[in-house]
Amino acid sequence: MPEPSEPSQVNVRMITGDHLETAKRVALKCGILRPDELEHEGVAMTGEEFRQQVGGYSKIWDPCH
């Protein structure tokens, strides 16, 4: 727990299948990003860039769903 004098912080992440520019506009409209944050490196990335950052992934098919 942070000390009472320390500000609290919540980091919101948004993952979407939208085009990168569409995703940025949605994040702005929802208040996830501020206009001055749009040009910071790593604030928004394509799926390919995300996979390069976090590594590969495996799809797990659940036959019950």
C-alpha atoms as a PDB file:
ATOM      1  CA  MET A   1       0.000   0.000   0.000  1.00  0.00           C
ATOM      2  CA  PRO A   2       1.280   3.491  -0.786  1.00  0.00           C
ATOM      3  CA  GLU A   3       1.875   5.884   2.036  1.00  0.00           C
ATOM      4  CA  PRO A   4      -1.034   8.340   2.511  1.00  0.00           C
ATOM      5  CA  SER A   5       1.133  11.200   1.202  1.00  0.00           C
ATOM      6  CA  GLU A   6       1.939   9.320  -2.049  1.00  0.00           C
ATOM      7  CA  PRO A   7      -0.444   9.770  -4.988  1.00  0.00           C
ATOM      8  CA  SER A   8      -2.322   6.686  -6.124  1.00  0.00           C
ATOM      9  CA  GLN A   9      -1.866   5.534  -9.691  1.00  0.00           C
ATOM     10  CA  VAL A  10      -3.787   3.219 -11.975  1.00  0.00           C
ATOM     11  CA  ASN A  11      -2.268   2.233 -15.307  1.00  0.00           C
ATOM     12  CA  VAL A  12      -4.928   1.524 -17.910  1.00  0.00           C
ATOM     13  CA  ARG A  13      -4.134  -0.623 -20.934  1.00  0.00           C
ATOM     14  CA  MET A  14      -6.393  -0.938 -23.954  1.00  0.00           C
ATOM     15  CA  ILE A  15      -6.093  -3.803 -26.416  1.00  0.00           C
ATOM     16  CA  THR A  16      -8.192  -3.643 -29.551  1.00  0.00           C
ATOM     17  CA  GLY A  17      -8.292  -5.025 -33.044  1.00  0.00           C
ATOM     18  CA  ASP A  18      -8.842  -1.560 -34.474  1.00  0.00           C
ATOM     19  CA  HIS A  19      -6.528   0.248 -36.874  1.00  0.00           C
ATOM     20  CA  LEU A  20      -3.807   2.045 -34.890  1.00  0.00           C
ATOM     21  CA  GLU A  21      -5.140   5.547 -35.612  1.00  0.00           C
ATOM     22  CA  THR A  22      -8.695   4.489 -34.687  1.00  0.00           C
ATOM     23  CA  ALA A  23      -7.441   3.011 -31.422  1.00  0.00           C
ATOM     24  CA  LYS A  24      -5.609   6.254 -30.582  1.00  0.00           C
ATOM     25  CA  ARG A  25      -8.764   8.308 -31.182  1.00  0.00           C
ATOM     26  CA  VAL A  26     -10.843   5.956 -29.013  1.00  0.00           C
ATOM     27  CA  ALA A  27      -8.238   6.169 -26.242  1.00  0.00           C
ATOM     28  CA  LEU A  28      -8.356   9.984 -26.437  1.00  0.00           C
ATOM     29  CA  LYS A  29     -12.142  10.068 -26.339  1.00  0.00           C
ATOM     30  CA  CYS A  30     -12.249   7.686 -23.344  1.00  0.00           C
ATOM     31  CA  GLY A  31      -9.618   9.650 -21.439  1.00  0.00           C
ATOM     32  CA  ILE A  32      -7.060   6.833 -21.521  1.00  0.00           C
ATOM     33  CA  LEU A  33      -4.615   9.108 -23.366  1.00  0.00           C
ATOM     34  CA  ARG A  34      -4.094  12.856 -23.378  1.00  0.00           C
ATOM     35  CA  PRO A  35      -3.284  14.613 -26.677  1.00  0.00           C
ATOM     36  CA  ASP A  36       0.275  15.346 -25.513  1.00  0.00           C
ATOM     37  CA  GLU A  37       0.893  11.611 -24.935  1.00  0.00           C
ATOM     38  CA  LEU A  38       0.071  10.509 -28.493  1.00  0.00           C
ATOM     39  CA  GLU A  39       3.577  10.948 -29.858  1.00  0.00           C
ATOM     40  CA  HIS A  40       5.423   9.202 -27.012  1.00  0.00           C
ATOM     41  CA  GLU A  41       7.130   6.032 -28.174  1.00  0.00           C
ATOM     42  CA  GLY A  42       5.362   2.874 -27.017  1.00  0.00           C
ATOM     43  CA  VAL A  43       2.107   4.597 -26.049  1.00  0.00           C
ATOM     44  CA  ALA A  44       0.323   2.925 -28.944  1.00  0.00           C
ATOM     45  CA  MET A  45       1.540   0.100 -31.142  1.00  0.00           C
ATOM     46  CA  THR A  46       0.409  -2.277 -33.830  1.00  0.00           C
ATOM     47  CA  GLY A  47      -0.211  -5.942 -33.139  1.00  0.00           C
ATOM     48  CA  GLU A  48       3.087  -6.846 -34.780  1.00  0.00           C
ATOM     49  CA  GLU A  49       4.973  -4.360 -32.577  1.00  0.00           C
ATOM     50  CA  PHE A  50       3.187  -5.744 -29.502  1.00  0.00           C
ATOM     51  CA  ARG A  51       4.149  -9.334 -30.377  1.00  0.00           C
ATOM     52  CA  GLN A  52       7.782  -8.251 -30.862  1.00  0.00           C
ATOM     53  CA  GLN A  53       7.730  -6.625 -27.413  1.00  0.00           C
ATOM     54  CA  VAL A  54       6.072  -9.464 -25.471  1.00  0.00           C
ATOM     55  CA  GLY A  55       7.072 -12.468 -27.539  1.00  0.00           C
ATOM     56  CA  GLY A  56       4.950 -15.069 -29.227  1.00  0.00           C
ATOM     57  CA  TYR A  57       1.642 -16.361 -28.046  1.00  0.00           C
ATOM     58  CA  SER A  58      -0.283 -19.597 -28.324  1.00  0.00           C
ATOM     59  CA  LYS A  59      -3.952 -19.948 -29.042  1.00  0.00           C
ATOM     60  CA  ILE A  60      -5.674 -22.412 -26.773  1.00  0.00           C
ATOM     61  CA  TRP A  61      -8.914 -23.742 -28.143  1.00  0.00           C
ATOM     62  CA  ASP A  62     -11.454 -24.732 -25.533  1.00  0.00           C
ATOM     63  CA  PRO A  63     -13.829 -27.264 -27.120  1.00  0.00           C
ATOM     64  CA  CYS A  64     -16.427 -26.492 -24.426  1.00  0.00           C
ATOM     65  CA  HIS A  65     -16.982 -22.938 -25.704  1.00  0.00           C
END
